[in-house]
């Protein structure tokens, strides 16, 4: 999909070419060479029916700039989406950075912050993670562990504010900065500082608001919207919860991504319950229960179960008692 995106968008292709020309082009060649060697593939095999063997050699040396079509063909031959590396072209070791980022995102999606910290402790041995913007990935992971595992909210807030105050202007709209603001908003909500939570969520939203159509930003967009919904719920703004929750539900349906969909379901159920729309609330609550029975979301379930109407909805006889028993057993909720 990413390859087609570059082929079909002339402007994006031009940006890609501008990025890979000159010194950075050598990293594209390095990526091709490293993957080719890992696959134990000869230059002759890689180049067959695409270009000459010598041309692959020159690309790997950084002396030739392949066309977008050729990059796609060489990547397809190796089974690698080379276009996915454009954002890592200034890295010393782009392959390693990309693999770490993929694992960071995987553990973050699962809310497995213990595994995320272990991965982060290994990643810091890579020089790239001591440089901006990649050092922000390390900060985000360590502060996530501090918040969600150690529950050091005030210490995390101090650290987050220090990081924010030292962000250079050129990185101020970086997607990692949005993640930092979201962590700050979570700390503010957990410590009851809702006005500061609103400011942090607003800052994060300004960064992601025009990125709805970009696949790689789906996870952070969903996270920002969930944080906004959570903030509205804690503020007693139930109409805003229903409006934003419905928008998020339709967004996730549109992009066919149901990541952390349980938050959308549960918040819609809680807000409708608060407003007296009990039948609708129960229908959303059922969806929330079913979603976490299919997936394993212990940390998310723990947070949802602390909300004030959760127990009342769990005891509602309109929900199948067998399903509730299964839910209680799976998450050890009395």
Protein backbone atom coordinates (compact mmCIF):
# COMPACT_ATOMS: atom_id res chain seq x y z
CA UNK A 1 0.00 0.00 0.00
CA UNK A 2 2.80 2.44 0.85
CA UNK A 3 4.53 1.73 -2.47
CA UNK A 4 1.35 2.51 -4.41
CA UNK A 5 0.95 5.70 -2.44
CA UNK A 6 4.29 6.96 -3.73
CA UNK A 7 3.61 5.84 -7.29
CA UNK A 8 0.24 7.60 -7.39
CA UNK A 9 1.20 10.89 -5.77
CA UNK A 10 3.63 13.00 -7.77
CA UNK A 11 4.16 15.52 -5.00
CA UNK A 12 5.01 12.82 -2.46
CA UNK A 13 7.36 11.19 -4.96
CA UNK A 14 9.19 14.49 -5.43
CA UNK A 15 9.53 14.86 -1.67
CA UNK A 16 10.93 11.34 -1.49
CA UNK A 17 13.47 12.04 -4.22
CA UNK A 18 14.53 15.28 -2.52
CA UNK A 19 15.07 13.38 0.71
CA UNK A 20 17.10 10.55 -0.78
CA UNK A 21 19.34 12.62 -3.05
CA UNK A 22 22.93 13.36 -2.03
CA UNK A 23 24.35 11.91 1.16
CA UNK A 24 21.08 10.32 2.31
CA UNK A 25 20.90 8.27 -0.86
CA UNK A 26 23.77 6.21 0.52
CA UNK A 27 21.46 5.00 3.28
CA UNK A 28 18.95 3.73 0.72
CA UNK A 29 21.79 1.79 -0.86
CA UNK A 30 22.83 0.50 2.56
CA UNK A 31 19.28 -0.67 3.26
CA UNK A 32 19.13 -2.52 -0.06
CA UNK A 33 22.54 -4.08 0.54
CA UNK A 34 21.76 -5.15 4.11
CA UNK A 35 18.49 -6.80 3.15
CA UNK A 36 20.04 -8.44 0.11
CA UNK A 37 22.84 -9.87 2.28
CA UNK A 38 20.41 -11.01 4.97
CA UNK A 39 18.49 -12.87 2.28
CA UNK A 40 21.76 -14.25 0.86
CA UNK A 41 20.66 -12.88 -2.51
CA UNK A 42 23.22 -12.05 -5.18
CA UNK A 43 23.15 -8.74 -7.04
CA UNK A 44 22.48 -10.72 -10.19
CA UNK A 45 19.35 -12.30 -8.70
CA UNK A 46 18.16 -8.97 -7.32
CA UNK A 47 18.68 -7.10 -10.58
CA UNK A 48 17.26 -9.70 -12.97
CA UNK A 49 14.73 -8.12 -15.37
CA UNK A 50 14.90 -4.85 -13.36
CA UNK A 51 18.30 -3.31 -14.10
CA UNK A 52 21.91 -4.34 -14.55
CA UNK A 53 23.89 -6.03 -11.81
CA UNK A 54 26.36 -3.14 -11.96
CA UNK A 55 23.57 -0.63 -11.42
CA UNK A 56 22.59 -2.38 -8.17
CA UNK A 57 26.26 -2.21 -7.16
CA UNK A 58 26.31 1.56 -7.82
CA UNK A 59 23.06 2.06 -5.89
CA UNK A 60 24.50 0.20 -2.92
CA UNK A 61 27.59 2.42 -3.05
CA UNK A 62 25.40 5.52 -3.10
CA UNK A 63 26.58 6.58 -6.55
CA UNK A 64 23.22 6.18 -8.31
CA UNK A 65 19.70 7.31 -7.43
CA UNK A 66 17.10 4.72 -8.47
CA UNK A 67 13.70 5.82 -9.73
CA UNK A 68 10.64 5.33 -7.55
CA UNK A 69 9.57 2.50 -9.85
CA UNK A 70 12.93 0.77 -9.49
CA UNK A 71 12.91 1.18 -5.70
CA UNK A 72 9.51 -0.49 -5.68
CA UNK A 73 10.66 -3.32 -7.93
CA UNK A 74 13.83 -4.01 -5.93
CA UNK A 75 11.84 -3.95 -2.70
CA UNK A 76 9.24 -6.33 -4.10
CA UNK A 77 11.99 -8.72 -5.21
CA UNK A 78 13.33 -8.81 -1.63
CA UNK A 79 9.88 -8.78 -0.02
CA UNK A 80 10.56 -5.42 1.68
CA UNK A 81 8.70 -2.11 1.43
CA UNK A 82 11.68 0.16 0.87
CA UNK A 83 9.49 3.26 0.79
CA UNK A 84 8.72 2.70 4.45
CA UNK A 85 12.32 3.73 5.20
CA UNK A 86 12.12 7.28 3.88
CA UNK A 87 11.53 8.64 7.40
CA UNK A 88 14.65 6.85 8.66
CA UNK A 89 17.07 7.93 5.94
CA UNK A 90 19.07 10.18 8.26
CA UNK A 91 19.61 7.34 10.76
CA UNK A 92 22.96 5.65 11.13
CA UNK A 93 21.18 2.30 11.30
CA UNK A 94 17.75 2.80 9.70
CA UNK A 95 16.85 -0.90 9.68
CA UNK A 96 17.43 -1.30 13.42
CA UNK A 97 15.59 1.95 14.25
CA UNK A 98 12.59 0.91 12.17
CA UNK A 99 12.43 -2.51 13.83
CA UNK A 100 12.61 -0.98 17.31
CA UNK A 101 9.87 1.54 16.47
CA UNK A 102 7.65 -1.28 15.21
CA UNK A 103 8.12 -3.17 18.48
CA UNK A 104 7.58 0.00 20.53
CA UNK A 105 4.26 0.54 18.76
CA UNK A 106 3.25 -3.10 19.19
CA UNK A 107 3.84 -3.08 22.97
CA UNK A 108 2.21 0.32 23.31
CA UNK A 109 -0.92 -0.89 21.49
CA UNK A 110 -1.08 -3.86 23.86
CA UNK A 111 -0.49 -1.60 26.90
CA UNK A 112 2.40 -3.94 27.77
CA UNK A 113 4.60 -1.31 29.39
CA UNK A 114 6.88 -3.82 31.12
CA UNK A 115 7.88 -5.34 27.77
CA UNK A 116 8.10 -1.83 26.31
CA UNK A 117 10.61 -0.79 29.00
CA UNK A 118 12.75 -3.88 28.39
CA UNK A 119 12.79 -3.15 24.66
CA UNK A 120 13.65 0.49 25.38
CA UNK A 121 16.53 -0.46 27.68
CA UNK A 122 18.01 -2.40 24.77
CA UNK A 123 17.30 0.31 22.19
CA UNK A 124 19.34 2.93 24.04
CA UNK A 125 22.49 1.07 22.98
CA UNK A 126 21.79 2.29 19.45
CA UNK A 127 23.40 5.71 18.78
CA UNK A 128 20.38 6.89 16.78
CA UNK A 129 18.23 6.86 19.93
CA UNK A 130 20.50 9.48 21.47
CA UNK A 131 19.64 11.94 18.69
CA UNK A 132 16.51 13.95 17.99
CA UNK A 133 13.79 13.13 17.13
CA UNK A 134 14.43 9.48 18.02
CA UNK A 135 15.41 10.29 21.60
CA UNK A 136 11.77 11.31 22.13
CA UNK A 137 10.77 7.67 21.57
CA UNK A 138 12.94 6.70 24.53
CA UNK A 139 11.52 9.48 26.71
CA UNK A 140 7.94 8.48 25.83
CA UNK A 141 8.53 4.82 26.65
CA UNK A 142 10.27 5.49 29.96
CA UNK A 143 7.65 7.98 31.07
CA UNK A 144 4.87 5.57 30.06
CA UNK A 145 6.40 2.99 32.40
CA UNK A 146 6.64 5.60 35.16
CA UNK A 147 2.96 6.49 34.74
CA UNK A 148 1.25 3.16 34.07
CA UNK A 149 3.43 0.76 36.07
CA UNK A 150 5.07 2.85 38.81
CA UNK A 151 2.16 5.33 39.16
CA UNK A 152 4.57 8.23 39.73
CA UNK A 153 2.23 10.81 38.25
CA UNK A 154 3.71 13.99 39.72
CA UNK A 155 7.28 12.99 38.92
CA UNK A 156 6.22 12.10 35.39
CA UNK A 157 4.47 15.48 35.01
CA UNK A 158 7.65 17.31 35.99
CA UNK A 159 9.67 15.30 33.51
CA UNK A 160 7.10 15.76 30.74
CA UNK A 161 7.01 19.52 31.26
CA UNK A 162 10.82 19.60 31.15
CA UNK A 163 10.82 17.68 27.87
CA UNK A 164 8.16 19.98 26.38
CA UNK A 165 10.00 23.14 27.43
CA UNK A 166 13.14 21.93 25.64
CA UNK A 167 11.54 20.86 22.35
CA UNK A 168 13.06 22.73 19.41
CA UNK A 169 10.65 24.63 17.18
CA UNK A 170 11.32 22.36 14.19
CA UNK A 171 10.08 19.37 16.19
CA UNK A 172 7.07 21.10 17.73
CA UNK A 173 4.62 19.48 15.27
CA UNK A 174 6.30 16.07 15.34
CA UNK A 175 3.93 13.20 16.06
CA UNK A 176 6.08 12.15 19.03
CA UNK A 177 5.38 15.50 20.64
CA UNK A 178 1.66 14.71 20.40
CA UNK A 179 2.37 11.52 22.36
CA UNK A 180 4.20 13.53 25.00
CA UNK A 181 1.22 15.88 25.39
CA UNK A 182 -1.12 12.90 25.73
CA UNK A 183 1.00 11.42 28.51
CA UNK A 184 0.88 14.80 30.23
CA UNK A 185 -2.90 14.94 29.86
CA UNK A 186 -3.22 11.46 31.39
CA UNK A 187 -1.13 12.53 34.40
CA UNK A 188 -3.27 15.66 34.79
CA UNK A 189 -6.49 13.66 34.64
CA UNK A 190 -5.21 11.11 37.15
CA UNK A 191 -4.25 13.88 39.56
CA UNK A 192 -7.47 15.84 39.08
CA UNK A 193 -5.99 18.77 37.16
CA UNK A 194 -8.62 18.85 34.41
CA UNK A 195 -7.89 22.38 33.09
CA UNK A 196 -4.27 21.38 32.44
CA UNK A 197 -5.46 18.09 30.93
CA UNK A 198 -7.61 20.06 28.47
CA UNK A 199 -4.64 22.23 27.47
CA UNK A 200 -2.46 19.18 26.88
CA UNK A 201 -5.13 17.37 24.83
CA UNK A 202 -5.70 20.54 22.79
CA UNK A 203 -1.96 20.79 22.04
CA UNK A 204 -1.89 17.15 20.93
CA UNK A 205 -4.98 17.61 18.77
CA UNK A 206 -3.41 20.57 16.92
CA UNK A 207 -0.59 18.25 15.82
CA UNK A 208 -2.79 15.39 14.55
CA UNK A 209 -5.91 17.22 13.34
CA UNK A 210 -4.87 17.28 9.67
CA UNK A 211 -3.45 13.76 9.56
CA UNK A 212 -6.67 11.72 9.46
CA UNK A 213 -5.96 10.32 6.00
CA UNK A 214 -2.40 9.18 6.73
CA UNK A 215 -2.30 5.51 7.72
CA UNK A 216 0.77 5.65 9.95
CA UNK A 217 -0.92 8.20 12.24
CA UNK A 218 -4.04 6.16 12.95
CA UNK A 219 -2.81 4.92 16.33
CA UNK A 220 -1.96 8.36 17.73
CA UNK A 221 -5.15 9.92 16.29
CA UNK A 222 -7.23 7.30 18.09
CA UNK A 223 -5.24 7.86 21.29
CA UNK A 224 -5.73 11.63 21.14
CA UNK A 225 -9.47 11.23 20.60
CA UNK A 226 -9.80 8.74 23.46
CA UNK A 227 -7.96 11.15 25.76
CA UNK A 228 -10.30 13.95 24.72
CA UNK A 229 -13.36 11.77 25.39
CA UNK A 230 -11.97 10.72 28.78
CA UNK A 231 -11.36 14.35 29.70
CA UNK A 232 -14.93 15.31 28.75
CA UNK A 233 -16.34 12.43 30.80
CA UNK A 234 -14.36 13.37 33.90
CA UNK A 235 -15.54 16.97 33.42
CA UNK A 236 -19.17 15.85 33.30
CA UNK A 237 -19.52 16.96 29.67
CA UNK A 238 -21.59 13.96 28.60
CA UNK A 239 -22.98 15.48 25.40
CA UNK A 240 -19.38 16.04 24.23
CA UNK A 241 -18.54 12.44 25.15
CA UNK A 242 -21.41 11.15 23.01
CA UNK A 243 -20.57 13.47 20.11
CA UNK A 244 -16.84 12.70 20.08
CA UNK A 245 -17.39 9.02 20.88
CA UNK A 246 -19.76 8.67 17.92
CA UNK A 247 -17.25 10.47 15.66
CA UNK A 248 -14.47 8.16 16.82
CA UNK A 249 -16.63 5.08 16.31
CA UNK A 250 -17.35 6.12 12.70
CA UNK A 251 -13.69 7.02 12.12
CA UNK A 252 -12.53 3.60 13.32
CA UNK A 253 -15.19 1.92 11.19
CA UNK A 254 -14.10 3.98 8.17
CA UNK A 255 -10.43 3.05 8.50
CA UNK A 256 -11.27 -0.53 9.52
CA UNK A 257 -9.25 -0.22 12.71
CA UNK A 258 -10.71 -1.34 16.02
CA UNK A 259 -7.68 -0.61 18.14
CA UNK A 260 -8.75 0.17 21.72
CA UNK A 261 -12.35 0.21 20.53
CA UNK A 262 -13.37 -0.81 24.06
CA UNK A 263 -12.79 2.78 25.21
CA UNK A 264 -15.20 4.10 22.59
CA UNK A 265 -17.84 1.55 23.56
CA UNK A 266 -17.51 2.02 27.31
CA UNK A 267 -17.45 5.81 27.27
CA UNK A 268 -20.51 5.91 25.02
CA UNK A 269 -22.25 3.56 27.44
CA UNK A 270 -21.25 5.59 30.53
CA UNK A 271 -22.29 8.94 29.03
CA UNK A 272 -25.65 7.62 27.81
CA UNK A 273 -26.26 6.05 31.23
CA UNK A 274 -25.53 9.38 32.94
CA UNK A 275 -28.02 11.10 30.64
CA UNK A 276 -30.72 8.53 31.36
CA UNK A 277 -30.61 6.79 27.95
CA UNK A 278 -30.38 3.40 29.64
CA UNK A 279 -31.27 1.12 26.74
CA UNK A 280 -28.68 2.72 24.47
CA UNK A 281 -26.16 2.68 27.30
CA UNK A 282 -26.62 -1.06 27.79
CA UNK A 283 -26.16 -1.76 24.07
CA UNK A 284 -22.83 0.09 24.03
CA UNK A 285 -21.80 -1.60 27.29
CA UNK A 286 -22.45 -5.03 25.78
CA UNK A 287 -20.19 -4.15 22.86
CA UNK A 288 -17.50 -3.06 25.31
CA UNK A 289 -17.72 -6.33 27.24
CA UNK A 290 -17.63 -8.44 24.08
CA UNK A 291 -14.64 -6.51 22.70
CA UNK A 292 -12.48 -7.17 25.77
CA UNK A 293 -13.54 -10.82 25.87
CA UNK A 294 -12.26 -11.22 22.31
CA UNK A 295 -9.08 -9.24 23.01
CA UNK A 296 -6.96 -9.20 26.16
CA UNK A 297 -6.93 -5.69 27.64
CA UNK A 298 -6.32 -6.00 31.41
CA UNK A 299 -5.02 -2.46 31.93
CA UNK A 300 -7.84 -0.91 29.91
CA UNK A 301 -10.43 -2.98 31.74
CA UNK A 302 -8.95 -1.97 35.09
CA UNK A 303 -9.28 1.71 34.20
CA UNK A 304 -12.83 1.32 32.87
CA UNK A 305 -13.88 -0.64 35.96
CA UNK A 306 -12.94 2.32 38.19
CA UNK A 307 -15.58 4.54 36.59
CA UNK A 308 -18.52 5.34 38.85
CA UNK A 309 -21.31 3.68 36.84
CA UNK A 310 -19.41 0.53 35.89
CA UNK A 311 -20.71 -1.68 38.73
CA UNK A 312 -24.31 -0.58 38.20
CA UNK A 313 -24.09 -1.50 34.52
CA UNK A 314 -22.41 -4.82 35.29
CA UNK A 315 -25.38 -5.75 37.48
CA UNK A 316 -28.01 -4.76 34.93
CA UNK A 317 -30.14 -7.83 34.16
CA UNK A 318 -30.43 -6.89 30.49
CA UNK A 319 -26.89 -8.20 30.03
CA UNK A 320 -26.43 -11.97 29.75
CA UNK A 321 -25.25 -13.29 33.12
CA UNK A 322 -23.09 -15.93 31.49
CA UNK A 323 -21.19 -13.28 29.59
CA UNK A 324 -20.71 -11.25 32.77
CA UNK A 325 -19.39 -14.33 34.62
CA UNK A 326 -16.93 -15.01 31.80
CA UNK A 327 -15.80 -11.38 31.92
CA UNK A 328 -15.35 -11.45 35.72
CA UNK A 329 -13.35 -14.66 35.56
CA UNK A 330 -11.11 -13.46 32.76
CA UNK A 331 -10.23 -10.17 34.46
CA UNK A 332 -10.59 -11.30 38.09
CA UNK A 333 -13.21 -8.66 38.85
CA UNK A 334 -15.36 -9.44 41.90
